[in-house]
Amino acid sequence: NLVFGEYKCMGPGANRAGRVKYARALTDQQAAPFLSTTYIGARNWLLSPPSL
């Protein structure tokens, strides 16, 4: 399955009027699982930021 979702888009290209019919704006609750890198298993392949 594929979902085309937008979350809190703003700026010149944010007008959704010309989007495909299946595009939808996500609520805070719908977007929450994707706002963290845990859903892609990032701990296994993303490096930690360097310490300054």
C-alpha atoms as a PDB file:
ATOM      1  CA  ASN A   1       0.000   0.000   0.000  1.00  0.00           C
ATOM      2  CA  LEU A   2       1.048   3.549  -0.623  1.00  0.00           C
ATOM      3  CA  VAL A   3      -0.227   6.698   1.016  1.00  0.00           C
ATOM      4  CA  PHE A   4       0.554  10.185  -0.258  1.00  0.00           C
ATOM      5  CA  GLY A   5       0.230  12.343   2.809  1.00  0.00           C
ATOM      6  CA  GLU A   6       1.278  15.885   3.543  1.00  0.00           C
ATOM      7  CA  TYR A   7       1.854  17.265   6.997  1.00  0.00           C
ATOM      8  CA  LYS A   8       1.778  20.939   7.897  1.00  0.00           C
ATOM      9  CA  CYS A   9       3.024  22.039   4.470  1.00  0.00           C
ATOM     10  CA  MET A  10       3.413  25.771   3.974  1.00  0.00           C
ATOM     11  CA  GLY A  11       4.855  28.176   1.451  1.00  0.00           C
ATOM     12  CA  PRO A  12       4.271  28.758  -2.274  1.00  0.00           C
ATOM     13  CA  GLY A  13       3.790  25.077  -3.161  1.00  0.00           C
ATOM     14  CA  ALA A  14       1.526  24.241  -0.227  1.00  0.00           C
ATOM     15  CA  ASN A  15      -1.785  24.901  -1.993  1.00  0.00           C
ATOM     16  CA  ARG A  16      -3.394  21.455  -2.245  1.00  0.00           C
ATOM     17  CA  ALA A  17      -5.955  22.480  -4.882  1.00  0.00           C
ATOM     18  CA  GLY A  18      -3.972  20.937  -7.759  1.00  0.00           C
ATOM     19  CA  ARG A  19      -2.992  17.702  -6.013  1.00  0.00           C
ATOM     20  CA  VAL A  20      -4.008  14.236  -7.123  1.00  0.00           C
ATOM     21  CA  LYS A  21      -7.293  13.002  -5.660  1.00  0.00           C
ATOM     22  CA  TYR A  22      -5.633  10.451  -3.372  1.00  0.00           C
ATOM     23  CA  ALA A  23      -3.358  13.000  -1.640  1.00  0.00           C
ATOM     24  CA  ARG A  24      -4.449  13.954   1.841  1.00  0.00           C
ATOM     25  CA  ALA A  25      -3.378  16.210   4.659  1.00  0.00           C
ATOM     26  CA  LEU A  26      -2.342  14.262   7.742  1.00  0.00           C
ATOM     27  CA  THR A  27      -3.467  15.161  11.236  1.00  0.00           C
ATOM     28  CA  ASP A  28      -0.986  15.352  14.108  1.00  0.00           C
ATOM     29  CA  GLN A  29      -2.078  11.895  15.220  1.00  0.00           C
ATOM     30  CA  GLN A  30      -1.706  10.375  11.737  1.00  0.00           C
ATOM     31  CA  ALA A  31       1.744  11.916  11.217  1.00  0.00           C
ATOM     32  CA  ALA A  32       3.130  11.039  14.666  1.00  0.00           C
ATOM     33  CA  PRO A  33       4.516   7.575  13.747  1.00  0.00           C
ATOM     34  CA  PHE A  34       6.548   9.098  10.901  1.00  0.00           C
ATOM     35  CA  LEU A  35       8.086  11.967  12.882  1.00  0.00           C
ATOM     36  CA  SER A  36      10.665   9.696  14.464  1.00  0.00           C
ATOM     37  CA  THR A  37      13.391   7.628  12.813  1.00  0.00           C
ATOM     38  CA  THR A  38      12.377   4.547  14.821  1.00  0.00           C
ATOM     39  CA  TYR A  39       9.888   3.406  12.176  1.00  0.00           C
ATOM     40  CA  ILE A  40      12.734   2.825   9.674  1.00  0.00           C
ATOM     41  CA  GLY A  41      15.076   1.074  12.105  1.00  0.00           C
ATOM     42  CA  ALA A  42      17.486   4.005  11.957  1.00  0.00           C
ATOM     43  CA  ARG A  43      19.460   2.798  14.944  1.00  0.00           C
ATOM     44  CA  ASN A  44      20.859   0.060  12.706  1.00  0.00           C
ATOM     45  CA  TRP A  45      22.157   2.270   9.895  1.00  0.00           C
ATOM     46  CA  LEU A  46      22.184   5.996  10.753  1.00  0.00           C
ATOM     47  CA  LEU A  47      25.258   7.345  12.490  1.00  0.00           C
ATOM     48  CA  SER A  48      24.886   9.376  15.650  1.00  0.00           C
ATOM     49  CA  PRO A  49      25.672  13.077  15.301  1.00  0.00           C
ATOM     50  CA  PRO A  50      29.243  13.946  16.272  1.00  0.00           C
ATOM     51  CA  SER A  51      29.905  15.344  19.734  1.00  0.00           C
ATOM     52  CA  LEU A  52      31.190  18.896  19.766  1.00  0.00           C
END
